[in-house]
Protein backbone atom coordinates (compact mmCIF):
# COMPACT_ATOMS: atom_id res chain seq x y z
CA MET A 1 -1.60 27.35 27.22
CA ARG A 2 -0.35 25.91 23.61
CA HIS A 3 -0.67 22.10 23.52
CA ILE A 4 1.76 20.65 20.19
CA THR A 5 1.29 16.83 20.01
CA VAL A 6 3.91 14.84 17.92
CA LEU A 7 1.20 11.97 16.69
CA ASN A 8 1.61 9.03 14.09
CA SER A 9 -0.04 5.91 14.91
CA LYS A 10 3.15 4.17 12.92
CA GLY A 11 6.02 3.15 15.54
CA GLY A 12 9.50 4.04 15.53
CA CYS A 13 9.34 7.11 13.21
CA GLY A 14 11.22 9.19 15.52
CA LYS A 15 8.11 10.76 17.52
CA SER A 16 10.37 11.55 21.48
CA THR A 17 13.49 12.52 19.31
CA ILE A 18 11.14 15.77 18.03
CA ALA A 19 9.00 16.02 20.90
CA THR A 20 12.30 16.43 22.78
CA ASN A 21 14.08 18.84 20.32
CA LEU A 22 10.38 20.73 20.26
CA ALA A 23 10.39 21.10 23.88
CA VAL A 24 14.08 22.57 23.59
CA TYR A 25 13.43 25.02 21.31
CA PHE A 26 10.66 26.89 23.32
CA ALA A 27 12.71 26.56 26.65
CA LEU A 28 15.45 28.51 25.13
CA GLU A 29 12.69 31.13 23.81
CA GLY A 30 11.92 31.51 27.89
CA ALA A 31 8.87 29.60 27.60
CA GLN A 32 7.97 27.89 30.45
CA VAL A 33 7.50 24.01 28.92
CA VAL A 34 6.27 20.91 30.05
CA LEU A 35 6.82 17.63 28.06
CA ALA A 36 3.88 15.29 28.55
CA ASP A 37 5.15 11.45 27.91
CA PHE A 38 1.99 9.91 27.07
CA ASP A 39 4.18 6.24 26.20
CA PRO A 40 4.88 4.00 29.02
CA GLN A 41 8.28 3.77 27.44
CA ARG A 42 8.91 6.83 28.58
CA SER A 43 11.63 7.99 26.20
CA CYS A 44 11.12 11.51 26.69
CA LEU A 45 11.32 11.10 30.71
CA ASP A 46 14.63 9.24 30.63
CA TRP A 47 16.16 12.33 28.13
CA LEU A 48 14.68 14.48 30.80
CA GLU A 49 16.31 12.69 33.61
CA THR A 50 19.93 12.70 31.88
CA ARG A 51 19.39 16.87 31.05
CA PRO A 52 22.14 19.00 32.50
CA ALA A 53 20.42 21.47 35.48
CA SER A 54 22.86 24.47 33.70
CA CYS A 55 20.18 23.81 30.33
CA ALA A 56 16.80 25.36 29.97
CA PRO A 57 14.60 23.78 32.02
CA ILE A 58 11.58 21.50 31.18
CA ALA A 59 9.46 19.83 33.19
CA GLY A 60 8.21 16.15 32.78
CA VAL A 61 4.92 14.52 33.42
CA ALA A 62 4.23 11.10 33.16
CA ALA A 63 1.27 11.34 31.41
CA TYR A 64 0.51 7.67 30.44
CA ASN A 65 -0.39 7.29 33.99
CA ASP A 66 -2.97 10.49 34.78
CA GLY A 67 -2.73 12.53 31.78
CA LEU A 68 -2.15 16.20 31.92
CA ARG A 69 -2.82 16.44 35.86
CA GLY A 70 0.32 17.05 36.77
CA VAL A 71 0.90 20.01 34.42
CA PRO A 72 2.27 22.61 37.05
CA ARG A 73 -0.05 26.43 36.20
CA GLY A 74 1.73 29.08 34.69
CA THR A 75 2.70 26.49 31.98
CA ASP A 76 3.11 28.10 28.30
CA ILE A 77 3.60 25.16 26.39
CA VAL A 78 2.73 21.43 26.45
CA ILE A 79 4.69 19.13 24.63
CA ILE A 80 2.95 15.51 24.19
CA ASP A 81 4.66 12.91 23.13
CA ALA A 82 2.11 10.29 22.22
CA PRO A 83 2.25 6.90 22.28
CA ALA A 84 2.79 4.06 18.86
CA ARG A 85 -0.63 2.45 17.34
CA CYS A 86 -2.85 5.32 18.52
CA HIS A 87 -6.02 4.48 17.33
CA GLY A 88 -10.17 4.93 17.96
CA ARG A 89 -10.51 6.58 21.52
CA GLU A 90 -7.03 7.16 22.51
CA LEU A 91 -6.32 9.17 19.00
CA THR A 92 -9.61 10.92 19.71
CA ASP A 93 -8.25 11.52 23.46
CA LEU A 94 -5.10 12.86 22.34
CA VAL A 95 -6.72 15.44 19.46
CA ARG A 96 -9.16 16.77 21.90
CA ARG A 97 -5.88 17.90 24.10
CA SER A 98 -4.41 19.43 20.84
CA GLU A 99 -4.13 22.49 19.59
CA THR A 100 -1.29 21.79 17.24
CA ILE A 101 -0.42 18.18 15.98
CA LEU A 102 3.36 17.21 13.83
CA ALA A 103 2.98 13.74 11.94
CA PRO A 104 6.95 12.39 11.30
CA VAL A 105 6.49 10.25 8.18
CA LEU A 106 10.15 7.91 7.59
CA PRO A 107 10.90 8.07 3.95
CA SER A 108 10.10 4.37 3.57
CA THR A 109 7.06 2.28 1.39
CA ILE A 110 5.95 1.00 4.31
CA ASP A 111 5.75 4.08 6.47
CA MET A 112 4.12 6.13 3.41
CA LYS A 113 1.50 3.64 3.35
CA ALA A 114 0.51 3.72 7.25
CA THR A 115 0.95 7.28 7.55
CA GLY A 116 -2.04 7.40 4.88
CA LYS A 117 -4.19 5.27 6.58
CA PHE A 118 -3.32 7.04 9.55
CA ILE A 119 -3.89 10.46 8.03
CA ALA A 120 -7.15 9.38 6.58
CA GLU A 121 -8.60 7.78 10.44
CA LEU A 122 -7.13 11.32 11.97
CA MET A 123 -9.17 13.83 9.30
CA HIS A 124 -12.32 11.68 10.59
CA VAL A 125 -11.92 13.07 13.95
CA GLY A 126 -14.60 14.91 15.13
CA LYS A 127 -11.98 17.90 16.28
CA VAL A 128 -10.28 17.98 13.12
CA GLU A 129 -13.37 17.87 10.99
CA ARG A 130 -14.36 21.28 12.76
CA LYS A 131 -11.03 22.82 12.12
CA GLN A 132 -10.47 23.36 15.59
CA VAL A 133 -6.58 21.65 15.44
CA LYS A 134 -4.17 21.96 12.76
CA ILE A 135 -1.77 19.42 11.24
CA GLY A 136 1.76 19.43 9.95
CA LEU A 137 3.44 16.58 8.08
CA LEU A 138 7.40 16.51 8.56
CA ALA A 139 9.64 14.08 6.58
CA ASN A 140 12.30 12.74 9.13
CA ARG A 141 15.24 10.60 9.07
CA VAL A 142 15.87 11.22 5.89
CA ARG A 143 19.20 11.19 3.29
CA GLU A 144 18.90 13.90 0.70
CA HIS A 145 19.36 13.13 -3.20
CA THR A 146 18.10 9.51 -2.75
CA LEU A 147 14.91 8.02 -4.48
CA ILE A 148 13.24 7.04 -1.73
CA PHE A 149 13.10 11.02 0.06
CA GLU A 150 11.82 12.46 -3.39
CA GLU A 151 9.40 9.71 -3.30
CA LEU A 152 8.30 10.33 0.39
CA SER A 153 8.54 14.27 -0.41
CA ASP A 154 6.07 13.66 -3.28
CA TYR A 155 3.76 12.02 -1.34
CA LEU A 156 3.84 14.48 1.58
CA ARG A 157 3.46 17.13 -1.02
CA ARG A 158 0.66 15.70 -2.31
CA SER A 159 -1.54 15.30 0.90
CA LYS A 160 -4.33 17.73 1.91
CA VAL A 161 -2.05 18.34 5.05
CA PRO A 162 0.34 20.95 4.92
CA TYR A 163 3.99 19.69 4.51
CA ILE A 164 6.12 21.82 6.73
CA GLY A 165 9.46 20.55 6.71
CA SER A 166 12.17 17.73 6.82
CA LEU A 167 14.84 16.43 9.08
CA ARG A 168 18.26 14.63 7.93
CA ASP A 169 19.66 11.26 9.15
CA ALA A 170 22.07 13.05 11.41
CA GLN A 171 24.03 11.23 14.47
CA ASN A 172 23.67 14.23 16.16
CA TYR A 173 20.32 13.70 17.27
CA VAL A 174 21.68 10.67 19.17
CA ARG A 175 24.42 12.66 20.59
CA ALA A 176 22.04 15.50 21.76
CA TYR A 177 19.76 12.95 23.29
CA THR A 178 22.21 10.60 25.25
CA ARG A 179 23.44 13.90 26.39
CA GLY A 180 19.65 15.33 27.60
CA LEU A 181 20.11 18.19 24.75
CA GLY A 182 18.48 19.19 21.85
CA VAL A 183 20.69 19.82 18.52
CA LEU A 184 19.92 23.46 19.04
CA GLU A 185 21.90 23.27 22.13
CA LEU A 186 24.75 21.68 20.34
CA PRO A 187 27.95 23.85 19.26
CA GLU A 188 26.62 25.75 15.77
CA TYR A 189 30.08 24.57 13.92
CA LEU A 190 28.65 20.81 14.52
CA ALA A 191 25.16 21.29 13.76
CA TRP A 192 24.33 24.27 11.94
CA PRO A 193 22.73 22.04 9.05
CA ASP A 194 20.48 20.77 11.61
CA TRP A 195 19.31 24.17 12.90
CA ALA A 196 18.81 25.22 8.98
CA GLN A 197 16.39 21.92 8.66
CA TRP A 198 14.31 23.60 11.83
CA GLU A 199 13.77 26.91 10.59
CA PRO A 200 10.57 26.25 8.52
CA ILE A 201 9.33 23.74 11.00
CA ILE A 202 9.65 26.34 13.70
CA SER A 203 8.39 29.17 10.99
CA TRP A 204 5.48 27.02 10.77
CA LEU A 205 4.72 26.28 14.55
CA GLU A 206 5.13 30.27 15.22
CA SER A 207 2.87 31.46 12.21
CA LYS A 208 -1.27 31.29 12.51
CA ARG A 209 -1.18 28.61 10.36
CA SER A 210 -0.31 26.38 12.83
CA GLN A 211 -3.01 27.10 15.40
CA PRO A 212 -7.09 27.07 15.02
């Protein structure tokens, strides 16, 4: 069973959106997927409640209550949606549950500074120091050809953590979320630019580079 955690202590960086879309990808691939929501705001569980029964199945666990105790046997992939303001023991506990961590970063000076502090703390967690978990950085809600995106890209490339891709600021994510879908389930004519942006992210997740 593989555990992929979407994690950044900075709130509002799109963790739940990325978690739901990751769950959709693996479900479409035929994996038994659990979406574990550690955030009491329940964004992922609310999304699951609107998901059509005809779509690839994804199970949900209210992990903010009992952790991962409710994960069914036979699960292939657990996608963990971490809460904001995660530090100290809570951060260590989430890292301990993970083999792979995705950290989304928004194109803003505030988010870059906050993420820098978060990554510095994360790198001192024991499991990360022992290289038993792999971390990837992801630029999220970006607008290409803007100065702030260029600044964010430069910042992420200079990081000691791999910069694995970027996702645009697109209404398709809103359209998909409100219908219980992922962008990979929207029509190709509408979502092909988003599909293309997910390719390097998925490639990294399916490579040995993303697993200890």
